[in-house]
Protein backbone atom coordinates (compact mmCIF):
# COMPACT_ATOMS: atom_id res chain seq x y z
CA GLN A 1 -0.36 -16.05 -10.04
CA VAL A 2 -1.00 -12.38 -10.45
CA GLN A 3 0.93 -9.63 -11.67
CA LEU A 4 0.83 -6.24 -9.58
CA VAL A 5 1.64 -2.45 -10.52
CA GLU A 6 1.48 -0.06 -8.13
CA SER A 7 1.65 3.80 -8.75
CA GLY A 8 0.97 6.95 -6.88
CA GLY A 9 4.06 7.48 -5.26
CA GLY A 10 6.00 10.74 -5.14
CA LEU A 11 7.86 13.77 -3.06
CA VAL A 12 5.37 15.29 -0.36
CA GLN A 13 5.71 17.58 2.59
CA PRO A 14 5.18 16.30 6.12
CA GLY A 15 1.29 16.61 6.98
CA GLY A 16 0.64 15.97 3.44
CA SER A 17 -1.24 12.97 1.41
CA LEU A 18 -0.85 10.51 -1.04
CA ARG A 19 -3.32 7.59 -2.44
CA LEU A 20 -1.28 4.74 -3.85
CA SER A 21 -3.10 2.04 -6.06
CA CYS A 22 -2.27 -1.37 -7.22
CA VAL A 23 -3.63 -2.98 -9.94
CA ALA A 24 -3.83 -6.41 -10.52
CA SER A 25 -3.48 -8.58 -13.83
CA ARG A 26 -6.68 -10.39 -13.06
CA SER A 27 -9.99 -10.44 -11.05
CA ILE A 28 -8.84 -10.09 -6.92
CA PHE A 29 -12.71 -11.00 -5.95
CA SER A 30 -11.43 -14.29 -5.03
CA ILE A 31 -7.93 -13.30 -3.45
CA ALA A 32 -8.39 -13.57 0.40
CA VAL A 33 -5.95 -11.07 1.54
CA MET A 34 -3.99 -8.28 -0.18
CA GLY A 35 -1.28 -6.08 1.44
CA TRP A 36 0.89 -3.04 1.32
CA TYR A 37 4.46 -3.30 2.80
CA ARG A 38 7.04 -0.84 2.93
CA GLN A 39 10.70 -1.07 2.89
CA ALA A 40 12.81 2.24 3.85
CA PRO A 41 16.55 2.19 3.54
CA GLY A 42 18.49 -0.26 5.51
CA LYS A 43 15.50 -1.43 6.99
CA GLU A 44 13.59 -4.93 6.73
CA ARG A 45 10.24 -4.79 4.61
CA GLU A 46 7.48 -4.51 6.97
CA LEU A 47 3.60 -5.06 6.57
CA VAL A 48 1.66 -1.86 6.69
CA ALA A 49 -1.83 -2.61 5.89
CA ASP A 50 -3.77 -5.45 4.64
CA ILE A 51 -7.51 -6.25 3.98
CA THR A 52 -9.30 -9.50 3.48
CA LYS A 53 -11.78 -10.25 0.52
CA THR A 54 -14.41 -9.52 3.15
CA GLY A 55 -13.22 -6.11 3.58
CA PHE A 56 -11.61 -6.68 7.13
CA ALA A 57 -8.69 -4.08 7.42
CA SER A 58 -5.61 -4.40 9.51
CA TYR A 59 -2.88 -1.95 9.95
CA ALA A 60 0.64 -1.54 11.53
CA ASP A 61 0.38 0.57 14.76
CA SER A 62 2.89 3.49 13.21
CA VAL A 63 -0.23 4.00 10.45
CA LYS A 64 -3.12 3.66 12.73
CA GLY A 65 -5.62 6.65 12.34
CA ARG A 66 -3.58 8.12 9.34
CA PHE A 67 -3.74 5.37 6.78
CA THR A 68 -6.71 3.62 4.70
CA ILE A 69 -6.47 0.61 2.84
CA SER A 70 -9.76 -0.26 0.26
CA ARG A 71 -10.07 -2.37 -2.43
CA ASP A 72 -12.29 -1.85 -5.53
CA ASN A 73 -13.12 -5.64 -6.99
CA ALA A 74 -14.82 -4.24 -10.12
CA LYS A 75 -11.47 -2.49 -10.93
CA ASN A 76 -9.24 -5.26 -9.79
CA THR A 77 -7.46 -2.53 -7.60
CA VAL A 78 -6.40 -2.01 -3.97
CA TYR A 79 -5.67 1.50 -2.62
CA LEU A 80 -3.75 3.00 0.47
CA GLN A 81 -4.54 6.43 1.33
CA MET A 82 -2.17 8.08 3.29
CA ASN A 83 -2.83 11.21 5.43
CA SER A 84 -0.54 13.00 7.90
CA LEU A 85 2.58 11.81 6.23
CA LYS A 86 5.73 11.94 8.39
CA PRO A 87 9.29 11.89 7.53
CA GLU A 88 9.45 8.34 8.86
CA ASP A 89 6.93 7.06 6.26
CA THR A 90 9.52 7.41 3.48
CA ALA A 91 9.91 4.28 1.76
CA VAL A 92 9.24 2.19 -0.78
CA TYR A 93 5.76 0.65 -0.93
CA TYR A 94 4.65 -2.57 -2.47
CA CYS A 95 1.68 -4.55 -2.94
CA LYS A 96 1.37 -8.10 -2.30
CA ALA A 97 -0.90 -10.81 -3.16
CA CYS A 98 -0.99 -14.56 -3.83
CA GLY A 99 2.50 -14.61 -3.04
CA SER A 100 3.62 -11.91 -5.90
CA TRP A 101 4.88 -8.62 -5.44
CA GLY A 102 4.48 -5.51 -7.56
CA GLN A 103 7.76 -3.52 -8.26
CA GLY A 104 7.47 -1.00 -5.76
CA THR A 105 6.43 3.09 -5.68
CA GLN A 106 8.83 5.45 -3.96
CA VAL A 107 7.01 7.79 -1.27
CA THR A 108 9.17 10.47 0.01
CA VAL A 109 8.08 12.79 2.92
CA SER A 110 10.45 15.82 2.89
CA SER A 111 10.31 19.40 3.36
């Protein structure tokens, strides 16, 4: 089990950037995969990006080229750098690892 705490969400204009952080309660060195998901109002939760312990990353088609996932094992933290944000990126963003979820952080893209 691991507890996860997300931060970094907020209100941003279209075209802007945000960096989300997910801090784990223990070492993430041995965690095989960590992921970022999002859920917009009235929609299913969807995978945005995930990253393996060896650093291999994969992305949803809708965010490829705009979002970058990374992990810092020394800080027990996974990041999601989000650039060129669009209104359709508005959602609650969740971190997931070892079957556990964080509480989520709201991202709103609006002018």
